[in-house]
PDB file of N, CA and C in Angstrom:
ATOM      1  N   MET A   1      60.405  82.511 141.174  1.00  0.00           N
ATOM      2  CA  MET A   1      61.794  83.274 140.575  1.00  0.00           C
ATOM      3  C   MET A   1      61.724  84.152 142.145  1.00  0.00           C
ATOM      4  N   TYR A   2      63.169  85.032 141.749  1.00  0.00           N
ATOM      5  CA  TYR A   2      64.116  85.216 142.778  1.00  0.00           C
ATOM      6  C   TYR A   2      63.447  86.799 142.923  1.00  0.00           C
ATOM      7  N   PHE A   3      63.206  87.339 141.853  1.00  0.00           N
ATOM      8  CA  PHE A   3      63.060  88.871 142.064  1.00  0.00           C
ATOM      9  C   PHE A   3      61.395  88.736 141.751  1.00  0.00           C
ATOM     10  N   GLU A   4      60.888  89.653 142.353  1.00  0.00           N
ATOM     11  CA  GLU A   4      58.973  89.829 142.108  1.00  0.00           C
ATOM     12  C   GLU A   4      59.082  90.699 140.879  1.00  0.00           C
ATOM     13  N   SER A   5      59.597  90.886 140.279  1.00  0.00           N
ATOM     14  CA  SER A   5      59.195  92.053 138.840  1.00  0.00           C
ATOM     15  C   SER A   5      61.423  92.101 138.623  1.00  0.00           C
ATOM     16  N   ILE A   6      60.559  93.168 137.131  1.00  0.00           N
ATOM     17  CA  ILE A   6      61.609  92.914 136.348  1.00  0.00           C
ATOM     18  C   ILE A   6      62.392  94.185 136.750  1.00  0.00           C
ATOM     19  N   ALA A   7      61.187  94.760 136.880  1.00  0.00           N
ATOM     20  CA  ALA A   7      61.557  96.948 137.838  1.00  0.00           C
ATOM     21  C   ALA A   7      62.661  96.020 139.323  1.00  0.00           C
ATOM     22  N   ALA A   8      62.490  95.139 139.981  1.00  0.00           N
ATOM     23  CA  ALA A   8      63.011  94.651 141.103  1.00  0.00           C
ATOM     24  C   ALA A   8      64.513  94.109 140.859  1.00  0.00           C
ATOM     25  N   ALA A   9      64.375  92.984 139.665  1.00  0.00           N
ATOM     26  CA  ALA A   9      65.460  92.669 139.037  1.00  0.00           C
ATOM     27  C   ALA A   9      66.747  93.834 138.558  1.00  0.00           C
ATOM     28  N   MET A  10      66.109  95.140 138.501  1.00  0.00           N
ATOM     29  CA  MET A  10      67.032  95.541 137.696  1.00  0.00           C
ATOM     30  C   MET A  10      67.962  96.430 138.645  1.00  0.00           C
ATOM     31  N   ASP A  11      66.583  96.849 140.344  1.00  0.00           N
ATOM     32  CA  ASP A  11      67.272  98.040 140.908  1.00  0.00           C
ATOM     33  C   ASP A  11      67.771  97.074 142.275  1.00  0.00           C
ATOM     34  N   MET A  12      67.688  95.685 142.582  1.00  0.00           N
ATOM     35  CA  MET A  12      68.865  94.527 142.796  1.00  0.00           C
ATOM     36  C   MET A  12      69.068  95.105 144.585  1.00  0.00           C
ATOM     37  N   ASN A  13      68.043  95.984 144.877  1.00  0.00           N
ATOM     38  CA  ASN A  13      68.228  95.929 146.529  1.00  0.00           C
ATOM     39  C   ASN A  13      69.656  96.939 146.764  1.00  0.00           C
ATOM     40  N   GLY A  14      69.241  98.004 145.090  1.00  0.00           N
ATOM     41  CA  GLY A  14      69.993  99.547 145.545  1.00  0.00           C
ATOM     42  C   GLY A  14      71.425  98.988 145.163  1.00  0.00           C
ATOM     43  N   HIS A  15      71.549  97.635 144.738  1.00  0.00           N
ATOM     44  CA  HIS A  15      73.193  97.113 144.274  1.00  0.00           C
ATOM     45  C   HIS A  15      72.763  97.479 142.402  1.00  0.00           C
ATOM     46  N   GLY A  16      71.776  97.054 141.506  1.00  0.00           N
ATOM     47  CA  GLY A  16      71.704  97.217 140.186  1.00  0.00           C
ATOM     48  C   GLY A  16      72.212  98.339 139.107  1.00  0.00           C
ATOM     49  N   VAL A  17      72.638  98.799 139.808  1.00  0.00           N
ATOM     50  CA  VAL A  17      73.184 100.757 139.024  1.00  0.00           C
ATOM     51  C   VAL A  17      74.535  99.411 138.181  1.00  0.00           C
ATOM     52  N   TYR A  18      75.286  99.054 140.029  1.00  0.00           N
ATOM     53  CA  TYR A  18      76.750  99.130 139.689  1.00  0.00           C
ATOM     54  C   TYR A  18      76.660  97.248 138.928  1.00  0.00           C
ATOM     55  N   VAL A  19      75.613  96.708 139.518  1.00  0.00           N
ATOM     56  CA  VAL A  19      76.012  94.901 138.325  1.00  0.00           C
ATOM     57  C   VAL A  19      75.684  95.384 137.459  1.00  0.00           C
ATOM     58  N   TRP A  20      74.932  95.999 137.100  1.00  0.00           N
ATOM     59  CA  TRP A  20      74.481  95.938 134.896  1.00  0.00           C
ATOM     60  C   TRP A  20      75.067  96.919 134.933  1.00  0.00           C
ATOM     61  N   LEU A  21      75.733  97.998 135.544  1.00  0.00           N
ATOM     62  CA  LEU A  21      77.034  98.942 134.570  1.00  0.00           C
ATOM     63  C   LEU A  21      78.405  97.456 134.443  1.00  0.00           C
ATOM     64  N   ALA A  22      78.750  96.623 135.688  1.00  0.00           N
ATOM     65  CA  ALA A  22      79.788  95.813 135.573  1.00  0.00           C
ATOM     66  C   ALA A  22      79.697  94.842 134.362  1.00  0.00           C
ATOM     67  N   TYR A  23      78.624  94.115 133.822  1.00  0.00           N
ATOM     68  CA  TYR A  23      77.690  93.383 132.901  1.00  0.00           C
ATOM     69  C   TYR A  23      77.706  93.683 131.204  1.00  0.00           C
ATOM     70  N   ALA A  24      77.317  95.574 131.547  1.00  0.00           N
ATOM     71  CA  ALA A  24      77.779  96.177 130.384  1.00  0.00           C
ATOM     72  C   ALA A  24      79.357  96.081 129.953  1.00  0.00           C
ATOM     73  N   ILE A  25      80.378  97.071 131.052  1.00  0.00           N
ATOM     74  CA  ILE A  25      81.186  96.832 130.914  1.00  0.00           C
ATOM     75  C   ILE A  25      82.355  95.670 129.928  1.00  0.00           C
ATOM     76  N   THR A  26      81.500  94.738 130.887  1.00  0.00           N
ATOM     77  CA  THR A  26      82.300  93.432 130.663  1.00  0.00           C
ATOM     78  C   THR A  26      81.970  93.324 128.839  1.00  0.00           C
ATOM     79  N   VAL A  27      80.801  93.178 128.178  1.00  0.00           N
ATOM     80  CA  VAL A  27      80.386  93.038 127.493  1.00  0.00           C
ATOM     81  C   VAL A  27      80.543  93.585 126.682  1.00  0.00           C
ATOM     82  N   SER A  28      80.838  95.286 126.659  1.00  0.00           N
ATOM     83  CA  SER A  28      82.057  96.273 125.775  1.00  0.00           C
ATOM     84  C   SER A  28      82.843  95.689 125.632  1.00  0.00           C
ATOM     85  N   LEU A  29      83.943  95.257 126.495  1.00  0.00           N
ATOM     86  CA  LEU A  29      84.856  95.039 125.680  1.00  0.00           C
ATOM     87  C   LEU A  29      85.017  93.529 126.219  1.00  0.00           C
ATOM     88  N   LEU A  30      84.547  92.774 125.657  1.00  0.00           N
ATOM     89  CA  LEU A  30      84.321  91.640 124.934  1.00  0.00           C
ATOM     90  C   LEU A  30      84.170  91.426 123.893  1.00  0.00           C
ATOM     91  N   VAL A  31      83.305  92.872 122.881  1.00  0.00           N
ATOM     92  CA  VAL A  31      82.981  92.795 122.148  1.00  0.00           C
ATOM     93  C   VAL A  31      83.901  93.463 120.968  1.00  0.00           C
ATOM     94  N   TRP A  32      84.881  94.520 121.626  1.00  0.00           N
ATOM     95  CA  TRP A  32      85.943  95.380 121.572  1.00  0.00           C
ATOM     96  C   TRP A  32      87.057  94.015 121.055  1.00  0.00           C
ATOM     97  N   LEU A  33      86.956  93.561 122.158  1.00  0.00           N
ATOM     98  CA  LEU A  33      88.343  92.332 121.872  1.00  0.00           C
ATOM     99  C   LEU A  33      88.452  91.210 121.029  1.00  0.00           C
ATOM    100  N   PHE A  34      86.853  91.418 120.531  1.00  0.00           N
ATOM    101  CA  PHE A  34      86.963  90.189 119.175  1.00  0.00           C
ATOM    102  C   PHE A  34      86.730  91.189 117.888  1.00  0.00           C
ATOM    103  N   TRP A  35      86.995  92.574 117.805  1.00  0.00           N
ATOM    104  CA  TRP A  35      86.492  93.726 117.156  1.00  0.00           C
ATOM    105  C   TRP A  35      87.381  94.068 116.085  1.00  0.00           C
ATOM    106  N   ALA A  36      87.848  94.218 117.709  1.00  0.00           N
ATOM    107  CA  ALA A  36      89.694  95.263 117.523  1.00  0.00           C
ATOM    108  C   ALA A  36      91.013  94.704 116.379  1.00  0.00           C
ATOM    109  N   PRO A  37      90.747  93.296 116.954  1.00  0.00           N
ATOM    110  CA  PRO A  37      91.986  92.633 116.086  1.00  0.00           C
ATOM    111  C   PRO A  37      91.871  91.887 114.527  1.00  0.00           C
ATOM    112  N   ALA A  38      90.006  91.873 114.466  1.00  0.00           N
ATOM    113  CA  ALA A  38      89.931  91.218 112.929  1.00  0.00           C
ATOM    114  C   ALA A  38      89.380  93.176 112.101  1.00  0.00           C
ATOM    115  N   ARG A  39      88.900  93.802 113.131  1.00  0.00           N
ATOM    116  CA  ARG A  39      89.287  94.808 111.952  1.00  0.00           C
ATOM    117  C   ARG A  39      91.178  95.304 111.322  1.00  0.00           C
ATOM    118  N   GLN A  40      92.555  94.550 112.140  1.00  0.00           N
ATOM    119  CA  GLN A  40      92.955  95.314 111.937  1.00  0.00           C
ATOM    120  C   GLN A  40      93.826  94.393 110.746  1.00  0.00           C
ATOM    121  N   LEU A  41      93.443  93.074 111.472  1.00  0.00           N
ATOM    122  CA  LEU A  41      93.244  91.929 110.724  1.00  0.00           C
ATOM    123  C   LEU A  41      93.008  92.988 108.941  1.00  0.00           C
ATOM    124  N   ARG A  42      91.759  93.177 108.795  1.00  0.00           N
ATOM    125  CA  ARG A  42      91.250  93.614 107.355  1.00  0.00           C
ATOM    126  C   ARG A  42      91.809  94.779 107.197  1.00  0.00           C
ATOM    127  N   VAL A  43      92.331  95.750 107.359  1.00  0.00           N
ATOM    128  CA  VAL A  43      93.452  96.543 107.381  1.00  0.00           C
ATOM    129  C   VAL A  43      95.376  95.926 107.213  1.00  0.00           C
ATOM    130  N   ARG A  44      95.287  95.191 107.767  1.00  0.00           N
ATOM    131  CA  ARG A  44      97.094  95.199 106.795  1.00  0.00           C
ATOM    132  C   ARG A  44      96.469  93.959 105.635  1.00  0.00           C
ATOM    133  N   ARG A  45      95.683  92.561 105.703  1.00  0.00           N
ATOM    134  CA  ARG A  45      95.166  92.482 104.247  1.00  0.00           C
ATOM    135  C   ARG A  45      94.315  93.658 103.041  1.00  0.00           C
ATOM    136  N   LEU A  46      94.258  93.973 103.452  1.00  0.00           N
ATOM    137  CA  LEU A  46      94.079  95.859 102.293  1.00  0.00           C
ATOM    138  C   LEU A  46      95.603  95.867 101.859  1.00  0.00           C
ATOM    139  N   TRP A  47      97.010  95.739 102.883  1.00  0.00           N
ATOM    140  CA  TRP A  47      97.334  96.535 102.257  1.00  0.00           C
ATOM    141  C   TRP A  47      98.487  95.808 101.743  1.00  0.00           C
ATOM    142  N   LEU A  48      98.349  94.913 102.432  1.00  0.00           N
ATOM    143  CA  LEU A  48      99.153  93.482 101.897  1.00  0.00           C
ATOM    144  C   LEU A  48      99.220  93.684  99.732  1.00  0.00           C
ATOM    145  N   ILE A  49      96.913  93.088  99.608  1.00  0.00           N
ATOM    146  CA  ILE A  49      97.481  93.465  98.646  1.00  0.00           C
ATOM    147  C   ILE A  49      97.199  94.798  97.327  1.00  0.00           C
ATOM    148  N   ALA A  50      97.136  95.896  98.252  1.00  0.00           N
ATOM    149  CA  ALA A  50      97.760  97.381  97.553  1.00  0.00           C
ATOM    150  C   ALA A  50      99.563  97.194  97.225  1.00  0.00           C
ATOM    151  N   GLU A  51      99.826  96.152  98.352  1.00  0.00           N
ATOM    152  CA  GLU A  51     101.549  96.218  98.480  1.00  0.00           C
ATOM    153  C   GLU A  51     102.114  95.630  96.763  1.00  0.00           C
ATOM    154  N   GLU A  52     100.745  94.756  97.155  1.00  0.00           N
ATOM    155  CA  GLU A  52     101.521  93.091  95.632  1.00  0.00           C
ATOM    156  C   GLU A  52     101.233  93.628  94.192  1.00  0.00           C
ATOM    157  N   GLN A  53      99.991  95.385  94.154  1.00  0.00           N
ATOM    158  CA  GLN A  53      99.137  95.735  93.678  1.00  0.00           C
ATOM    159  C   GLN A  53     100.862  96.576  92.890  1.00  0.00           C
ATOM    160  N   ARG A  54     101.328  97.296  94.134  1.00  0.00           N
ATOM    161  CA  ARG A  54     102.569  98.396  93.751  1.00  0.00           C
ATOM    162  C   ARG A  54     103.377  97.596  93.129  1.00  0.00           C
ATOM    163  N   ARG A  55     103.938  96.416  93.480  1.00  0.00           N
ATOM    164  CA  ARG A  55     105.497  96.233  93.188  1.00  0.00           C
ATOM    165  C   ARG A  55     105.079  94.677  91.692  1.00  0.00           C
ATOM    166  N   LEU A  56     104.116  94.867  91.156  1.00  0.00           N
ATOM    167  CA  LEU A  56     103.388  93.901  90.291  1.00  0.00           C
ATOM    168  C   LEU A  56     103.655  95.243  89.238  1.00  0.00           C
ATOM    169  N   ALA A  57     103.310  96.500  89.214  1.00  0.00           N
ATOM    170  CA  ALA A  57     103.179  97.928  88.491  1.00  0.00           C
ATOM    171  C   ALA A  57     104.900  98.302  88.468  1.00  0.00           C
ATOM    172  N   SER A  58     105.382  98.220  89.177  1.00  0.00           N
ATOM    173  CA  SER A  58     106.779  98.540  89.186  1.00  0.00           C
ATOM    174  C   SER A  58     107.345  97.999  88.278  1.00  0.00           C
ATOM    175  N   GLU A  59     107.248  96.763  88.925  1.00  0.00           N
ATOM    176  CA  GLU A  59     107.836  95.378  88.315  1.00  0.00           C
ATOM    177  C   GLU A  59     107.795  95.514  86.471  1.00  0.00           C
ATOM    178  N   ALA A  60     106.638  96.283  86.636  1.00  0.00           N
ATOM    179  CA  ALA A  60     106.031  96.066  84.879  1.00  0.00           C
ATOM    180  C   ALA A  60     106.364  97.300  83.812  1.00  0.00           C
ATOM    181  N   LEU A  61     106.775  98.273  84.867  1.00  0.00           N
ATOM    182  CA  LEU A  61     107.252 100.189  84.399  1.00  0.00           C
ATOM    183  C   LEU A  61     108.559  99.606  84.506  1.00  0.00           C
ATOM    184  N   ARG A  62     109.095  99.002  84.732  1.00  0.00           N
ATOM    185  CA  ARG A  62     110.929  98.807  84.827  1.00  0.00           C
ATOM    186  C   ARG A  62     110.902  98.187  83.131  1.00  0.00           C
ATOM    187  N   SER A  63     110.484  96.838  83.359  1.00  0.00           N
ATOM    188  CA  SER A  63     110.314  95.659  82.579  1.00  0.00           C
ATOM    189  C   SER A  63     109.797  96.429  80.550  1.00  0.00           C
ATOM    190  N   GLY A  64     108.704  97.341  80.530  1.00  0.00           N
ATOM    191  CA  GLY A  64     108.430  98.359  79.723  1.00  0.00           C
ATOM    192  C   GLY A  64     107.236  97.247  79.126  1.00  0.00           C
ATOM    193  N   ALA A  65     106.467  97.030  80.213  1.00  0.00           N
ATOM    194  CA  ALA A  65     104.823  96.481  80.122  1.00  0.00           C
ATOM    195  C   ALA A  65     104.161  97.016  80.601  1.00  0.00           C
ATOM    196  N   THR A  66     103.238  96.912  80.047  1.00  0.00           N
ATOM    197  CA  THR A  66     102.220  97.673  80.387  1.00  0.00           C
ATOM    198  C   THR A  66     101.701  96.772  82.339  1.00  0.00           C
ATOM    199  N   PRO A  67     101.697  98.225  83.283  1.00  0.00           N
ATOM    200  CA  PRO A  67     100.825  97.246  83.855  1.00  0.00           C
ATOM    201  C   PRO A  67      99.771  96.242  84.504  1.00  0.00           C
ATOM    202  N   PRO A  68     100.010  95.485  85.043  1.00  0.00           N
ATOM    203  CA  PRO A  68      98.899  94.434  85.621  1.00  0.00           C
ATOM    204  C   PRO A  68      97.779  95.347  85.727  1.00  0.00           C
ATOM    205  N   HIS A  69      96.009  94.632  85.583  1.00  0.00           N
ATOM    206  CA  HIS A  69      95.618  95.097  86.047  1.00  0.00           C
ATOM    207  C   HIS A  69      94.730  94.467  86.606  1.00  0.00           C
ATOM    208  N   ASP A  70      94.127  93.981  87.903  1.00  0.00           N
ATOM    209  CA  ASP A  70      93.318  92.730  88.455  1.00  0.00           C
ATOM    210  C   ASP A  70      92.244  93.381  88.924  1.00  0.00           C
ATOM    211  N   HIS A  71      90.954  93.664  87.707  1.00  0.00           N
ATOM    212  CA  HIS A  71      89.409  93.397  88.114  1.00  0.00           C
ATOM    213  C   HIS A  71      88.890  93.203  89.246  1.00  0.00           C
ATOM    214  N   ALA A  72      89.026  92.693  90.100  1.00  0.00           N
ATOM    215  CA  ALA A  72      88.555  91.254  90.450  1.00  0.00           C
ATOM    216  C   ALA A  72      89.142  92.505  91.904  1.00  0.00           C
ATOM    217  N   ALA A  73      89.744  92.740  91.854  1.00  0.00           N
ATOM    218  CA  ALA A  73      90.562  93.814  93.041  1.00  0.00           C
ATOM    219  C   ALA A  73      89.709  94.248  93.447  1.00  0.00           C
ATOM    220  N   ASP A  74      89.151  95.468  92.283  1.00  0.00           N
ATOM    221  CA  ASP A  74      88.378  96.532  92.688  1.00  0.00           C
ATOM    222  C   ASP A  74      86.430  96.867  91.618  1.00  0.00           C
ATOM    223  N   GLY A  75      86.082  95.288  92.331  1.00  0.00           N
ATOM    224  CA  GLY A  75      85.387  95.448  92.481  1.00  0.00           C
ATOM    225  C   GLY A  75      84.512  95.236  91.187  1.00  0.00           C
ATOM    226  N   ARG A  76      84.693  95.154  89.676  1.00  0.00           N
ATOM    227  CA  ARG A  76      84.834  95.405  88.796  1.00  0.00           C
ATOM    228  C   ARG A  76      84.371  93.652  88.006  1.00  0.00           C
ATOM    229  N   SER A  77      83.559  93.192  87.592  1.00  0.00           N
ATOM    230  CA  SER A  77      83.230  92.173  86.834  1.00  0.00           C
ATOM    231  C   SER A  77      83.482  92.189  85.223  1.00  0.00           C
ATOM    232  N   SER A  78      84.131  90.586  85.202  1.00  0.00           N
ATOM    233  CA  SER A  78      84.786  90.648  83.300  1.00  0.00           C
ATOM    234  C   SER A  78      83.580  90.640  82.285  1.00  0.00           C
ATOM    235  N   SER A  79      82.479  91.184  83.032  1.00  0.00           N
ATOM    236  CA  SER A  79      80.997  91.235  82.049  1.00  0.00           C
ATOM    237  C   SER A  79      81.070  92.841  81.460  1.00  0.00           C
ATOM    238  N   MET A  80      81.504  93.438  82.413  1.00  0.00           N
ATOM    239  CA  MET A  80      81.854  94.642  82.114  1.00  0.00           C
ATOM    240  C   MET A  80      82.615  95.055  80.748  1.00  0.00           C
ATOM    241  N   GLU A  81      83.727  94.025  80.749  1.00  0.00           N
ATOM    242  CA  GLU A  81      84.440  94.309  79.919  1.00  0.00           C
ATOM    243  C   GLU A  81      84.287  93.748  78.298  1.00  0.00           C
ATOM    244  N   SER A  82      83.654  92.388  78.124  1.00  0.00           N
ATOM    245  CA  SER A  82      82.992  91.829  77.184  1.00  0.00           C
ATOM    246  C   SER A  82      81.922  92.621  76.377  1.00  0.00           C
ATOM    247  N   SER A  83      81.310  93.481  77.325  1.00  0.00           N
ATOM    248  CA  SER A  83      79.701  93.789  76.808  1.00  0.00           C
ATOM    249  C   SER A  83      79.988  95.432  76.503  1.00  0.00           C
ATOM    250  N   GLY A  84      80.557  95.273  75.045  1.00  0.00           N
ATOM    251  CA  GLY A  84      80.968  97.278  74.377  1.00  0.00           C
ATOM    252  C   GLY A  84      81.533  96.649  73.398  1.00  0.00           C
TER     253      GLY A  84
END
């Protein structure tokens, strides 16, 4: 092994602070580079679903019918409707 102990590996002859800080910054940036687009995609997908529901409700109001309601979108199951 290159270092005699874990403490020596953490210190790296006085350069450990810079090395481990560089690793921490790199890992943080990589996590952010994966997390930020995934979050943005989720937000945009929810916005598109809401926009489609608004469009359907608007069309239904113009035609005089009752607006459709998607129970799967708000997390309710169809078993809740049938039990009662």
